[in-house]
C-alpha atoms as a PDB file:
ATOM      1  CA  LYS A   1       1.360  20.315  18.470  1.00  0.00           C
ATOM      2  CA  ASN A   2      -2.349  20.364  18.269  1.00  0.00           C
ATOM      3  CA  SER A   3      -3.205  20.180  22.075  1.00  0.00           C
ATOM      4  CA  GLY A   4      -6.257  20.601  24.759  1.00  0.00           C
ATOM      5  CA  VAL A   5      -4.720  19.900  27.821  1.00  0.00           C
ATOM      6  CA  SER A   6      -1.812  20.053  29.611  1.00  0.00           C
ATOM      7  CA  MET A   7       0.587  17.211  29.993  1.00  0.00           C
ATOM      8  CA  ASP A   8       4.245  16.494  31.618  1.00  0.00           C
ATOM      9  CA  PHE A   9       6.242  15.147  28.414  1.00  0.00           C
ATOM     10  CA  SER A  10       9.769  15.123  29.637  1.00  0.00           C
ATOM     11  CA  GLU A  11       9.701  11.426  28.789  1.00  0.00           C
ATOM     12  CA  ILE A  12       9.122  12.607  25.224  1.00  0.00           C
ATOM     13  CA  THR A  13      12.447  13.135  23.230  1.00  0.00           C
ATOM     14  CA  SER A  14      13.215  14.535  19.838  1.00  0.00           C
ATOM     15  CA  SER A  15      15.226  12.216  17.548  1.00  0.00           C
ATOM     16  CA  LYS A  16      18.659  13.811  16.024  1.00  0.00           C
ATOM     17  CA  HIS A  17      17.943  16.007  13.051  1.00  0.00           C
ATOM     18  CA  GLU A  18      14.402  16.774  13.905  1.00  0.00           C
ATOM     19  CA  THR A  19      12.714  20.288  13.029  1.00  0.00           C
ATOM     20  CA  ASP A  20       9.302  21.620  13.704  1.00  0.00           C
ATOM     21  CA  GLN A  21       8.396  21.890  10.110  1.00  0.00           C
ATOM     22  CA  ILE A  22       4.957  20.347   9.384  1.00  0.00           C
ATOM     23  CA  THR A  23       5.231  17.589   6.634  1.00  0.00           C
ATOM     24  CA  TYR A  24       2.803  15.186   4.644  1.00  0.00           C
ATOM     25  CA  GLY A  25       3.036  11.241   4.230  1.00  0.00           C
ATOM     26  CA  ILE A  26       1.127   8.023   4.011  1.00  0.00           C
ATOM     27  CA  ASP A  27       0.720   4.926   5.395  1.00  0.00           C
ATOM     28  CA  VAL A  28       0.742   1.666   3.496  1.00  0.00           C
ATOM     29  CA  ALA A  29       0.447  -2.126   4.109  1.00  0.00           C
ATOM     30  CA  LYS A  30      -0.114  -4.701   1.309  1.00  0.00           C
ATOM     31  CA  TRP A  31      -3.632  -3.612   1.092  1.00  0.00           C
ATOM     32  CA  GLN A  32      -2.041  -0.840  -1.363  1.00  0.00           C
ATOM     33  CA  GLY A  33      -0.760  -3.847  -3.736  1.00  0.00           C
ATOM     34  CA  ILE A  34       2.683  -3.150  -5.646  1.00  0.00           C
ATOM     35  CA  ILE A  35       3.428   0.652  -5.428  1.00  0.00           C
ATOM     36  CA  ASP A  36       5.702   2.928  -7.664  1.00  0.00           C
ATOM     37  CA  TRP A  37       7.528   4.708  -5.072  1.00  0.00           C
ATOM     38  CA  LYS A  38       9.112   7.068  -7.919  1.00  0.00           C
ATOM     39  CA  LYS A  39       5.804   8.493  -8.646  1.00  0.00           C
ATOM     40  CA  VAL A  40       4.618   8.503  -5.451  1.00  0.00           C
ATOM     41  CA  LYS A  41       7.849  10.878  -4.426  1.00  0.00           C
ATOM     42  CA  GLU A  42       6.624  12.752  -7.492  1.00  0.00           C
ATOM     43  CA  SER A  43       3.561  13.227  -5.809  1.00  0.00           C
ATOM     44  CA  ASN A  44       5.482  14.936  -3.339  1.00  0.00           C
ATOM     45  CA  VAL A  45       4.947  12.529  -0.317  1.00  0.00           C
ATOM     46  CA  GLU A  46       7.506  13.872   2.332  1.00  0.00           C
ATOM     47  CA  PHE A  47       7.116  10.352   4.610  1.00  0.00           C
ATOM     48  CA  ALA A  48       5.820   6.642   4.607  1.00  0.00           C
ATOM     49  CA  MET A  49       4.365   4.753   7.523  1.00  0.00           C
ATOM     50  CA  ILE A  50       5.037   1.402   6.625  1.00  0.00           C
ATOM     51  CA  ARG A  51       3.412  -1.996   8.104  1.00  0.00           C
ATOM     52  CA  LEU A  52       5.777  -4.331   8.647  1.00  0.00           C
ATOM     53  CA  GLY A  53       3.842  -6.977  10.239  1.00  0.00           C
ATOM     54  CA  TYR A  54       1.004  -8.639  12.325  1.00  0.00           C
ATOM     55  CA  ARG A  55       0.243 -11.031  14.939  1.00  0.00           C
ATOM     56  CA  THR A  56      -2.733 -12.766  13.757  1.00  0.00           C
ATOM     57  CA  LEU A  57      -6.355 -12.610  14.965  1.00  0.00           C
ATOM     58  CA  ASP A  58      -7.200 -15.734  16.079  1.00  0.00           C
ATOM     59  CA  LYS A  59      -3.766 -18.587  16.552  1.00  0.00           C
ATOM     60  CA  GLY A  60      -1.921 -15.425  17.317  1.00  0.00           C
ATOM     61  CA  ILE A  61       1.136 -16.473  14.811  1.00  0.00           C
ATOM     62  CA  ILE A  62       3.812 -13.097  13.736  1.00  0.00           C
ATOM     63  CA  GLN A  63       3.625 -12.852  10.051  1.00  0.00           C
ATOM     64  CA  GLU A  64       5.521 -10.667   7.842  1.00  0.00           C
ATOM     65  CA  ASP A  65       3.498  -8.138   5.642  1.00  0.00           C
ATOM     66  CA  PRO A  66       4.167  -9.303   2.360  1.00  0.00           C
ATOM     67  CA  TYR A  67       5.448  -5.785   0.797  1.00  0.00           C
ATOM     68  CA  ALA A  68       7.059  -4.608   3.864  1.00  0.00           C
ATOM     69  CA  GLU A  69      11.016  -5.325   2.791  1.00  0.00           C
ATOM     70  CA  TYR A  70      10.082  -3.855  -0.996  1.00  0.00           C
ATOM     71  CA  ASN A  71       7.838  -0.834   0.348  1.00  0.00           C
ATOM     72  CA  LEU A  72      10.818  -0.064   2.471  1.00  0.00           C
ATOM     73  CA  GLN A  73      13.845  -0.315   0.177  1.00  0.00           C
ATOM     74  CA  GLU A  74      11.997   1.545  -2.708  1.00  0.00           C
ATOM     75  CA  ALA A  75      10.781   4.324   0.050  1.00  0.00           C
ATOM     76  CA  ILE A  76      14.031   4.671   0.507  1.00  0.00           C
ATOM     77  CA  ALA A  77      15.608   4.506  -2.645  1.00  0.00           C
ATOM     78  CA  ASN A  78      13.532   7.418  -3.760  1.00  0.00           C
ATOM     79  CA  GLY A  79      14.067   9.422  -1.371  1.00  0.00           C
ATOM     80  CA  ILE A  80      11.448   9.442   1.411  1.00  0.00           C
ATOM     81  CA  LYS A  81      11.773   9.320   4.665  1.00  0.00           C
ATOM     82  CA  VAL A  82      10.187   5.972   6.362  1.00  0.00           C
ATOM     83  CA  GLY A  83       8.691   5.109   9.946  1.00  0.00           C
ATOM     84  CA  ALA A  84       7.016   1.558  10.461  1.00  0.00           C
ATOM     85  CA  TYR A  85       4.212   0.395  12.283  1.00  0.00           C
ATOM     86  CA  PHE A  86       3.083  -3.276  13.699  1.00  0.00           C
ATOM     87  CA  PHE A  87      -0.489  -4.828  13.991  1.00  0.00           C
ATOM     88  CA  SER A  88      -0.618  -6.563  17.349  1.00  0.00           C
ATOM     89  CA  THR A  89      -3.233  -8.790  19.352  1.00  0.00           C
ATOM     90  CA  ALA A  90      -0.513  -9.231  22.441  1.00  0.00           C
ATOM     91  CA  ILE A  91      -2.174 -11.072  25.249  1.00  0.00           C
ATOM     92  CA  ASN A  92       0.627 -10.785  27.543  1.00  0.00           C
ATOM     93  CA  GLU A  93       4.031  -8.760  28.438  1.00  0.00           C
ATOM     94  CA  LYS A  94       5.998 -11.719  26.609  1.00  0.00           C
ATOM     95  CA  GLU A  95       4.133 -11.893  23.723  1.00  0.00           C
ATOM     96  CA  ALA A  96       4.364  -7.638  23.371  1.00  0.00           C
ATOM     97  CA  GLU A  97       8.110  -7.640  23.764  1.00  0.00           C
ATOM     98  CA  GLU A  98       8.187 -10.686  21.304  1.00  0.00           C
ATOM     99  CA  GLU A  99       6.384  -8.385  18.757  1.00  0.00           C
ATOM    100  CA  ALA A 100       8.673  -5.877  19.591  1.00  0.00           C
ATOM    101  CA  LYS A 101      11.838  -7.225  19.071  1.00  0.00           C
ATOM    102  CA  TRP A 102      10.704  -9.082  16.064  1.00  0.00           C
ATOM    103  CA  VAL A 103      10.050  -5.660  14.911  1.00  0.00           C
ATOM    104  CA  THR A 104      13.530  -3.808  15.821  1.00  0.00           C
ATOM    105  CA  ASP A 105      15.184  -6.926  14.315  1.00  0.00           C
ATOM    106  CA  PHE A 106      13.342  -6.948  11.085  1.00  0.00           C
ATOM    107  CA  ILE A 107      14.102  -2.912  10.844  1.00  0.00           C
ATOM    108  CA  ALA A 108      17.130  -2.514  12.035  1.00  0.00           C
ATOM    109  CA  PRO A 109      19.461  -2.822   8.796  1.00  0.00           C
ATOM    110  CA  TYR A 110      17.135   0.297   7.371  1.00  0.00           C
ATOM    111  CA  PRO A 111      17.488   4.181   7.960  1.00  0.00           C
ATOM    112  CA  ILE A 112      14.054   4.221  10.381  1.00  0.00           C
ATOM    113  CA  THR A 113      13.736   8.271  10.575  1.00  0.00           C
ATOM    114  CA  TYR A 114      10.011   8.299  11.288  1.00  0.00           C
ATOM    115  CA  PRO A 115       9.030   6.903  14.583  1.00  0.00           C
ATOM    116  CA  VAL A 116       7.897   3.220  15.115  1.00  0.00           C
ATOM    117  CA  ALA A 117       4.237   2.991  15.991  1.00  0.00           C
ATOM    118  CA  TYR A 118       2.096   0.289  17.932  1.00  0.00           C
ATOM    119  CA  ASN A 119      -1.393  -0.176  16.220  1.00  0.00           C
ATOM    120  CA  CYS A 120      -3.863  -2.489  17.908  1.00  0.00           C
ATOM    121  CA  GLU A 121      -7.340  -2.847  16.395  1.00  0.00           C
ATOM    122  CA  GLY A 122     -10.501  -4.808  16.963  1.00  0.00           C
ATOM    123  CA  PHE A 123     -10.619  -6.103  20.216  1.00  0.00           C
ATOM    124  CA  THR A 124     -13.906  -5.535  20.934  1.00  0.00           C
ATOM    125  CA  ASN A 125     -14.724  -8.365  18.862  1.00  0.00           C
ATOM    126  CA  PRO A 126     -15.582 -11.760  20.730  1.00  0.00           C
ATOM    127  CA  SER A 127     -13.601 -13.299  17.817  1.00  0.00           C
ATOM    128  CA  ASN A 128     -10.229 -11.872  19.125  1.00  0.00           C
ATOM    129  CA  ARG A 129      -8.212 -13.091  20.970  1.00  0.00           C
ATOM    130  CA  GLN A 130      -7.633  -9.969  22.945  1.00  0.00           C
ATOM    131  CA  TYR A 131     -11.383  -9.649  23.626  1.00  0.00           C
ATOM    132  CA  ASN A 132     -11.591 -10.347  27.219  1.00  0.00           C
ATOM    133  CA  LEU A 133      -8.321  -7.591  28.182  1.00  0.00           C
ATOM    134  CA  SER A 134      -9.100  -4.619  30.516  1.00  0.00           C
ATOM    135  CA  LYS A 135      -8.415  -1.620  28.905  1.00  0.00           C
ATOM    136  CA  GLU A 136      -5.364  -1.252  31.806  1.00  0.00           C
ATOM    137  CA  GLU A 137      -4.256  -4.905  30.122  1.00  0.00           C
ATOM    138  CA  ARG A 138      -3.919  -3.506  26.643  1.00  0.00           C
ATOM    139  CA  THR A 139      -2.475  -0.715  27.986  1.00  0.00           C
ATOM    140  CA  ASN A 140       0.297  -2.236  29.737  1.00  0.00           C
ATOM    141  CA  LEU A 141       0.817  -3.881  26.817  1.00  0.00           C
ATOM    142  CA  ALA A 142       1.178  -1.451  24.422  1.00  0.00           C
ATOM    143  CA  ILE A 143       3.606   0.127  27.318  1.00  0.00           C
ATOM    144  CA  SER A 144       6.027  -3.010  27.373  1.00  0.00           C
ATOM    145  CA  PHE A 145       5.881  -2.569  22.961  1.00  0.00           C
ATOM    146  CA  LEU A 146       6.749   0.789  23.104  1.00  0.00           C
ATOM    147  CA  ASP A 147       9.355   0.994  25.807  1.00  0.00           C
ATOM    148  CA  TYR A 148      11.441  -2.020  23.974  1.00  0.00           C
ATOM    149  CA  VAL A 149      11.360  -0.245  20.829  1.00  0.00           C
ATOM    150  CA  LYS A 150      12.327   3.214  22.624  1.00  0.00           C
ATOM    151  CA  SER A 151      15.167   0.812  24.098  1.00  0.00           C
ATOM    152  CA  LYS A 152      16.630   0.061  20.605  1.00  0.00           C
ATOM    153  CA  GLY A 153      16.942   3.534  19.874  1.00  0.00           C
ATOM    154  CA  TYR A 154      13.682   4.635  18.048  1.00  0.00           C
ATOM    155  CA  THR A 155      11.232   6.904  18.590  1.00  0.00           C
ATOM    156  CA  PRO A 156       7.783   5.505  19.746  1.00  0.00           C
ATOM    157  CA  MET A 157       4.559   6.349  18.588  1.00  0.00           C
ATOM    158  CA  PHE A 158       0.741   5.056  19.760  1.00  0.00           C
ATOM    159  CA  TYR A 159      -1.870   4.968  17.198  1.00  0.00           C
ATOM    160  CA  ALA A 160      -5.297   4.625  17.485  1.00  0.00           C
ATOM    161  CA  ALA A 161      -8.494   6.248  16.498  1.00  0.00           C
ATOM    162  CA  LYS A 162      -9.803   9.705  18.063  1.00  0.00           C
ATOM    163  CA  SER A 163     -13.144   7.505  19.753  1.00  0.00           C
ATOM    164  CA  GLU A 164     -11.011   5.089  21.463  1.00  0.00           C
ATOM    165  CA  LEU A 165      -8.336   7.872  22.814  1.00  0.00           C
ATOM    166  CA  GLU A 166     -10.791  10.819  23.763  1.00  0.00           C
ATOM    167  CA  GLY A 167     -11.957  10.239  27.738  1.00  0.00           C
ATOM    168  CA  ASN A 168     -10.018   7.482  28.384  1.00  0.00           C
ATOM    169  CA  LEU A 169     -12.211   5.120  26.699  1.00  0.00           C
ATOM    170  CA  GLU A 170     -10.502   2.123  25.618  1.00  0.00           C
ATOM    171  CA  TRP A 171      -7.159   3.271  26.449  1.00  0.00           C
ATOM    172  CA  ASN A 172      -5.483   4.861  29.353  1.00  0.00           C
ATOM    173  CA  THR A 173      -4.633   7.704  27.101  1.00  0.00           C
ATOM    174  CA  SER A 174      -3.285   9.987  29.879  1.00  0.00           C
ATOM    175  CA  ILE A 175      -0.806   7.795  30.255  1.00  0.00           C
ATOM    176  CA  LEU A 176       0.205   6.935  26.757  1.00  0.00           C
ATOM    177  CA  ASP A 177       0.607  10.763  25.744  1.00  0.00           C
ATOM    178  CA  SER A 178       2.508  11.380  28.360  1.00  0.00           C
ATOM    179  CA  LYS A 179       5.312   8.756  27.500  1.00  0.00           C
ATOM    180  CA  TYR A 180       4.811   8.331  23.684  1.00  0.00           C
ATOM    181  CA  ARG A 181       3.981  10.724  20.649  1.00  0.00           C
ATOM    182  CA  ILE A 182       0.496  10.001  19.543  1.00  0.00           C
ATOM    183  CA  TRP A 183      -0.610   9.286  16.287  1.00  0.00           C
ATOM    184  CA  VAL A 184      -4.487  10.108  15.889  1.00  0.00           C
ATOM    185  CA  ALA A 185      -7.226   8.439  13.418  1.00  0.00           C
ATOM    186  CA  GLN A 186      -9.733  11.473  12.991  1.00  0.00           C
ATOM    187  CA  TYR A 187     -11.269  11.609   8.942  1.00  0.00           C
ATOM    188  CA  PRO A 188     -13.122  15.457   8.966  1.00  0.00           C
ATOM    189  CA  GLY A 189     -15.256  15.768   5.969  1.00  0.00           C
ATOM    190  CA  LYS A 190     -12.992  18.050   4.347  1.00  0.00           C
ATOM    191  CA  PHE A 191      -9.285  18.641   4.327  1.00  0.00           C
ATOM    192  CA  THR A 192      -7.337  21.568   3.699  1.00  0.00           C
ATOM    193  CA  SER A 193      -3.487  22.848   4.764  1.00  0.00           C
ATOM    194  CA  SER A 194      -4.811  24.674   7.418  1.00  0.00           C
ATOM    195  CA  SER A 195      -7.024  21.606   8.888  1.00  0.00           C
ATOM    196  CA  LYS A 196      -7.044  20.902  12.478  1.00  0.00           C
ATOM    197  CA  SER A 197      -8.096  17.507  13.711  1.00  0.00           C
ATOM    198  CA  SER A 198     -11.153  17.769  16.269  1.00  0.00           C
ATOM    199  CA  TYR A 199      -9.409  15.556  18.849  1.00  0.00           C
ATOM    200  CA  SER A 200      -8.405  17.578  21.919  1.00  0.00           C
ATOM    201  CA  GLY A 201      -5.774  15.802  23.048  1.00  0.00           C
ATOM    202  CA  GLU A 202      -1.908  16.488  22.351  1.00  0.00           C
ATOM    203  CA  HIS A 203      -0.993  14.448  18.989  1.00  0.00           C
ATOM    204  CA  HIS A 204       2.056  14.368  16.943  1.00  0.00           C
ATOM    205  CA  MET A 205       0.331  12.816  13.766  1.00  0.00           C
ATOM    206  CA  TRP A 206      -2.985  13.099  12.299  1.00  0.00           C
ATOM    207  CA  GLN A 207      -4.234  10.352   9.774  1.00  0.00           C
ATOM    208  CA  TYR A 208      -7.177  12.647   8.056  1.00  0.00           C
ATOM    209  CA  THR A 209      -8.459  10.075   5.466  1.00  0.00           C
ATOM    210  CA  SER A 210      -8.265   6.263   4.689  1.00  0.00           C
ATOM    211  CA  ASN A 211      -9.403   7.413   1.230  1.00  0.00           C
ATOM    212  CA  GLY A 212      -6.350   9.444  -0.469  1.00  0.00           C
ATOM    213  CA  GLU A 213      -5.602   9.296  -4.146  1.00  0.00           C
ATOM    214  CA  VAL A 214      -1.651   9.279  -4.292  1.00  0.00           C
ATOM    215  CA  SER A 215      -0.247   8.811  -7.963  1.00  0.00           C
ATOM    216  CA  GLY A 216       2.067   5.297  -8.347  1.00  0.00           C
ATOM    217  CA  ILE A 217      -0.814   3.345  -5.661  1.00  0.00           C
ATOM    218  CA  ASN A 218      -3.538   1.996  -7.614  1.00  0.00           C
ATOM    219  CA  LYS A 219      -5.507   1.842  -4.464  1.00  0.00           C
ATOM    220  CA  PRO A 220      -7.284   3.988  -1.607  1.00  0.00           C
ATOM    221  CA  VAL A 221      -4.031   5.317   0.973  1.00  0.00           C
ATOM    222  CA  ASP A 222      -4.261   6.726   4.392  1.00  0.00           C
ATOM    223  CA  LEU A 223      -3.390  10.462   4.285  1.00  0.00           C
ATOM    224  CA  ASN A 224      -1.296  12.075   7.299  1.00  0.00           C
ATOM    225  CA  VAL A 225       0.292  15.044   8.313  1.00  0.00           C
ATOM    226  CA  ALA A 226       2.985  15.323  11.121  1.00  0.00           C
ATOM    227  CA  TYR A 227       4.158  17.971  13.228  1.00  0.00           C
ATOM    228  CA  PHE A 228       7.344  17.588  12.808  1.00  0.00           C
ATOM    229  CA  GLY A 229       9.874  16.754   9.833  1.00  0.00           C
ATOM    230  CA  PHE A 230      13.694  15.992   9.635  1.00  0.00           C
ATOM    231  CA  SER A 231      16.737  17.398   8.252  1.00  0.00           C
ATOM    232  CA  GLN A 232      18.380  14.535   7.323  1.00  0.00           C
ATOM    233  CA  GLU A 233      17.600  11.119   7.154  1.00  0.00           C
ATOM    234  CA  ALA A 234      18.528   8.591  10.283  1.00  0.00           C
ATOM    235  CA  GLU A 235      21.170   5.879   9.894  1.00  0.00           C
ATOM    236  CA  ALA A 236      20.728   2.320   9.824  1.00  0.00           C
ATOM    237  CA  LYS A 237      21.212   0.654  13.466  1.00  0.00           C
ATOM    238  CA  ASP A 238      23.035  -2.114  11.452  1.00  0.00           C
ATOM    239  CA  SER A 239      25.256  -1.487   8.325  1.00  0.00           C
ATOM    240  CA  THR A 240      24.597  -5.129   7.172  1.00  0.00           C
ATOM    241  CA  PRO A 241      22.982  -4.472   3.866  1.00  0.00           C
ATOM    242  CA  ARG A 242      19.681  -6.392   3.209  1.00  0.00           C
ATOM    243  CA  GLU A 243      19.356  -8.221  -0.124  1.00  0.00           C
ATOM    244  CA  SER A 244      17.289  -6.555  -2.369  1.00  0.00           C
ATOM    245  CA  VAL A 245      13.812  -7.785  -2.745  1.00  0.00           C
ATOM    246  CA  LYS A 246      11.034  -7.966  -5.578  1.00  0.00           C
ATOM    247  CA  PRO A 247       7.393  -7.541  -4.972  1.00  0.00           C
ATOM    248  CA  ASP A 248       5.315 -10.624  -4.986  1.00  0.00           C
ATOM    249  CA  PRO A 249       2.340 -10.120  -7.159  1.00  0.00           C
ATOM    250  CA  THR A 250       0.223 -12.872  -5.793  1.00  0.00           C
ATOM    251  CA  ALA A 251       0.455 -11.649  -2.301  1.00  0.00           C
ATOM    252  CA  LEU A 252      -3.104 -10.771  -2.467  1.00  0.00           C
ATOM    253  CA  ILE A 253      -4.481 -13.766  -3.664  1.00  0.00           C
ATOM    254  CA  ASP A 254      -6.381 -15.850  -1.252  1.00  0.00           C
ATOM    255  CA  PHE A 255      -4.990 -19.661  -2.238  1.00  0.00           C
ATOM    256  CA  GLN A 256      -6.593 -22.659   0.140  1.00  0.00           C
ATOM    257  CA  GLU A 257      -3.909 -25.015   0.315  1.00  0.00           C
ATOM    258  CA  VAL A 258      -4.101 -28.706  -1.360  1.00  0.00           C
ATOM    259  CA  ASP A 259      -2.379 -31.342  -2.444  1.00  0.00           C
ATOM    260  CA  GLU A 260      -3.745 -33.068  -5.317  1.00  0.00           C
ATOM    261  CA  THR A 261      -2.918 -34.297  -8.462  1.00  0.00           C
ATOM    262  CA  VAL A 262      -4.787 -32.912 -11.484  1.00  0.00           C
ATOM    263  CA  THR A 263      -4.865 -32.939 -15.481  1.00  0.00           C
ATOM    264  CA  ALA A 264      -6.272 -30.777 -18.285  1.00  0.00           C
ATOM    265  CA  LYS A 265     -10.057 -31.078 -19.325  1.00  0.00           C
ATOM    266  CA  GLU A 266      -8.215 -30.669 -22.785  1.00  0.00           C
ATOM    267  CA  VAL A 267      -5.390 -28.234 -22.941  1.00  0.00           C
ATOM    268  CA  THR A 268      -4.282 -25.329 -20.914  1.00  0.00           C
ATOM    269  CA  ASN A 269      -1.355 -23.233 -20.637  1.00  0.00           C
ATOM    270  CA  LEU A 270       0.816 -23.029 -17.751  1.00  0.00           C
ATOM    271  CA  ARG A 271       1.982 -19.575 -16.631  1.00  0.00           C
ATOM    272  CA  ASN A 272       4.330 -17.863 -14.328  1.00  0.00           C
ATOM    273  CA  LEU A 273       1.729 -15.706 -12.634  1.00  0.00           C
ATOM    274  CA  PRO A 274      -2.088 -16.353 -12.184  1.00  0.00           C
ATOM    275  CA  THR A 275      -2.899 -13.733 -14.815  1.00  0.00           C
ATOM    276  CA  THR A 276      -3.450 -13.969 -18.487  1.00  0.00           C
ATOM    277  CA  ASP A 277      -1.957  -9.990 -18.437  1.00  0.00           C
ATOM    278  CA  ASN A 278       1.450  -9.855 -19.459  1.00  0.00           C
ATOM    279  CA  THR A 279       2.613 -13.054 -18.076  1.00  0.00           C
ATOM    280  CA  GLU A 280       4.983 -15.546 -19.473  1.00  0.00           C
ATOM    281  CA  ILE A 281       3.471 -19.635 -20.765  1.00  0.00           C
ATOM    282  CA  VAL A 282       5.874 -21.888 -18.844  1.00  0.00           C
ATOM    283  CA  ALA A 283       4.048 -25.088 -20.595  1.00  0.00           C
ATOM    284  CA  GLU A 284       1.065 -26.384 -21.487  1.00  0.00           C
ATOM    285  CA  LEU A 285      -0.940 -29.364 -19.449  1.00  0.00           C
ATOM    286  CA  ARG A 286      -2.715 -31.501 -21.853  1.00  0.00           C
ATOM    287  CA  ASN A 287      -5.403 -34.243 -20.816  1.00  0.00           C
ATOM    288  CA  GLY A 288      -3.803 -37.282 -19.217  1.00  0.00           C
ATOM    289  CA  GLN A 289      -0.548 -34.950 -18.601  1.00  0.00           C
ATOM    290  CA  THR A 290      -0.495 -34.617 -14.796  1.00  0.00           C
ATOM    291  CA  ALA A 291       0.637 -31.949 -12.393  1.00  0.00           C
ATOM    292  CA  LYS A 292       0.781 -31.383  -8.771  1.00  0.00           C
ATOM    293  CA  ARG A 293      -2.316 -28.723  -7.346  1.00  0.00           C
ATOM    294  CA  ILE A 294      -0.928 -27.187  -4.024  1.00  0.00           C
ATOM    295  CA  GLY A 295      -3.399 -23.966  -3.940  1.00  0.00           C
ATOM    296  CA  ILE A 296      -6.854 -23.136  -5.204  1.00  0.00           C
ATOM    297  CA  GLY A 297      -6.932 -19.067  -5.436  1.00  0.00           C
ATOM    298  CA  SER A 298      -9.801 -16.889  -4.809  1.00  0.00           C
ATOM    299  CA  ASN A 299      -9.327 -15.497  -8.281  1.00  0.00           C
ATOM    300  CA  GLY A 300      -9.672 -18.267 -10.231  1.00  0.00           C
ATOM    301  CA  TRP A 301      -6.463 -19.784 -10.877  1.00  0.00           C
ATOM    302  CA  SER A 302      -4.597 -22.856  -9.146  1.00  0.00           C
ATOM    303  CA  LYS A 303      -1.247 -23.017  -7.938  1.00  0.00           C
ATOM    304  CA  LEU A 304       0.155 -25.887  -9.574  1.00  0.00           C
ATOM    305  CA  ILE A 305       4.110 -27.581  -9.007  1.00  0.00           C
ATOM    306  CA  TYR A 306       4.976 -28.585 -12.524  1.00  0.00           C
ATOM    307  CA  ASN A 307       8.655 -30.311 -13.675  1.00  0.00           C
ATOM    308  CA  GLY A 308       9.755 -28.703 -10.428  1.00  0.00           C
ATOM    309  CA  GLU A 309       8.565 -25.180 -11.083  1.00  0.00           C
ATOM    310  CA  THR A 310       5.431 -23.282  -9.164  1.00  0.00           C
ATOM    311  CA  VAL A 311       3.137 -22.506 -12.632  1.00  0.00           C
ATOM    312  CA  TYR A 312      -0.831 -21.299 -12.818  1.00  0.00           C
ATOM    313  CA  ALA A 313      -3.533 -22.817 -14.245  1.00  0.00           C
ATOM    314  CA  ARG A 314      -7.157 -21.559 -14.493  1.00  0.00           C
ATOM    315  CA  SER A 315      -9.110 -23.468 -12.308  1.00  0.00           C
ATOM    316  CA  ASP A 316     -11.989 -24.191 -14.797  1.00  0.00           C
ATOM    317  CA  PHE A 317      -9.428 -25.673 -17.457  1.00  0.00           C
ATOM    318  CA  ILE A 318      -8.086 -28.550 -15.047  1.00  0.00           C
ATOM    319  CA  THR A 319      -9.527 -31.010 -12.986  1.00  0.00           C
ATOM    320  CA  THR A 320      -8.933 -33.991 -10.383  1.00  0.00           C
ATOM    321  CA  ASN A 321     -10.697 -36.448 -12.295  1.00  0.00           C
ATOM    322  CA  LEU A 322      -7.554 -38.447 -14.135  1.00  0.00           C
ATOM    323  CA  ASP A 323      -9.857 -40.406 -16.471  1.00  0.00           C
ATOM    324  CA  TYR A 324     -11.777 -37.056 -17.420  1.00  0.00           C
ATOM    325  CA  GLN A 325     -12.578 -37.265 -21.242  1.00  0.00           C
ATOM    326  CA  ILE A 326     -13.916 -34.097 -23.028  1.00  0.00           C
ATOM    327  CA  HIS A 327     -16.422 -34.384 -26.100  1.00  0.00           C
ATOM    328  CA  LYS A 328     -14.691 -32.723 -29.127  1.00  0.00           C
ATOM    329  CA  ALA A 329     -17.822 -31.099 -30.090  1.00  0.00           C
ATOM    330  CA  ASP A 330     -18.061 -29.059 -26.804  1.00  0.00           C
ATOM    331  CA  ILE A 331     -14.623 -27.611 -28.272  1.00  0.00           C
ATOM    332  CA  ILE A 332     -14.453 -24.492 -30.811  1.00  0.00           C
ATOM    333  CA  ASN A 333     -11.267 -23.109 -31.631  1.00  0.00           C
ATOM    334  CA  GLY A 334      -9.608 -24.785 -28.211  1.00  0.00           C
ATOM    335  CA  GLN A 335     -12.139 -23.405 -26.393  1.00  0.00           C
ATOM    336  CA  TYR A 336     -14.265 -25.720 -24.168  1.00  0.00           C
ATOM    337  CA  PHE A 337     -17.910 -24.996 -23.799  1.00  0.00           C
ATOM    338  CA  LYS A 338     -20.376 -26.326 -21.194  1.00  0.00           C
ATOM    339  CA  ASP A 339     -24.225 -26.871 -21.939  1.00  0.00           C
ATOM    340  CA  VAL A 340     -26.726 -24.809 -20.442  1.00  0.00           C
ATOM    341  CA  ASN A 341     -30.021 -23.023 -20.771  1.00  0.00           C
ATOM    342  CA  GLU A 342     -30.786 -19.895 -19.945  1.00  0.00           C
ATOM    343  CA  GLN A 343     -31.719 -16.640 -21.310  1.00  0.00           C
ATOM    344  CA  VAL A 344     -29.459 -13.349 -21.773  1.00  0.00           C
ATOM    345  CA  THR A 345     -29.061  -9.864 -22.960  1.00  0.00           C
ATOM    346  CA  ALA A 346     -26.785  -7.890 -24.151  1.00  0.00           C
END
């Protein structure tokens, strides 16, 4: 381990089948989109820390990461050992333990080999529900979460940035790193296999970039080095199999909820997904025919209910004006054109 201080680590125990081999991995959430885990494995990724969920910053509601189960199932199926983390905004011990129980219940059917981490950020923002909590109060909430995780047979780990940990600035680091493994985020300008974090405190895992590139992941991803490994995968706490899930391609689209009746301005295709790429046309909606719109997406598509099915249509091709009439002269080859008067260039 990388250490610049002397500590009593009697409370930090090693997991079964743990080795002192250095291993390399990633941490992922919904922001990485739908991951091709077969390609990730072929890229020699050894472990993945997977976000299970989060408590919202404003209302404090626990939400499941929409790709959590898919990522767990596919990573494990492709021979990648997994750990997990949860993004907390708990403001009292009851909420911290509620989060920990939610996490341990969620992962019970999965072989969680790597640690289960507590992640808490953004508390210096006045709009954050944790804004008025002291460093001591936040530290105690982390302890409540991590002690519960440990009581359920998982390895607890605390995640934070180097700047928050050093000198006990934002956390009582001297307490946390004597009880739990520390996962530090610190990004050097360049990383090689011989690189070390500039964080001087004890740490067991180092997140060294948030802009990594891994085959099978189309967006930037966090890369990590763990100063431990495992000779074999852990066993699940609950042998009850989980139902196989498929990833939701719409999970990253922000849909504003509405409840309104719409019709087509002329005619528009209703598709099974909000894109024209490799999607199925479920039906056609013509002017005068109606559907129920339940969401307006940030990507220019609307979510509709038509004949009992959830379908999607281009928002600019539909209207809530059920008496809408279009001039046929404005339609060329089935496409609607709106009058404008502007200068353009190629």
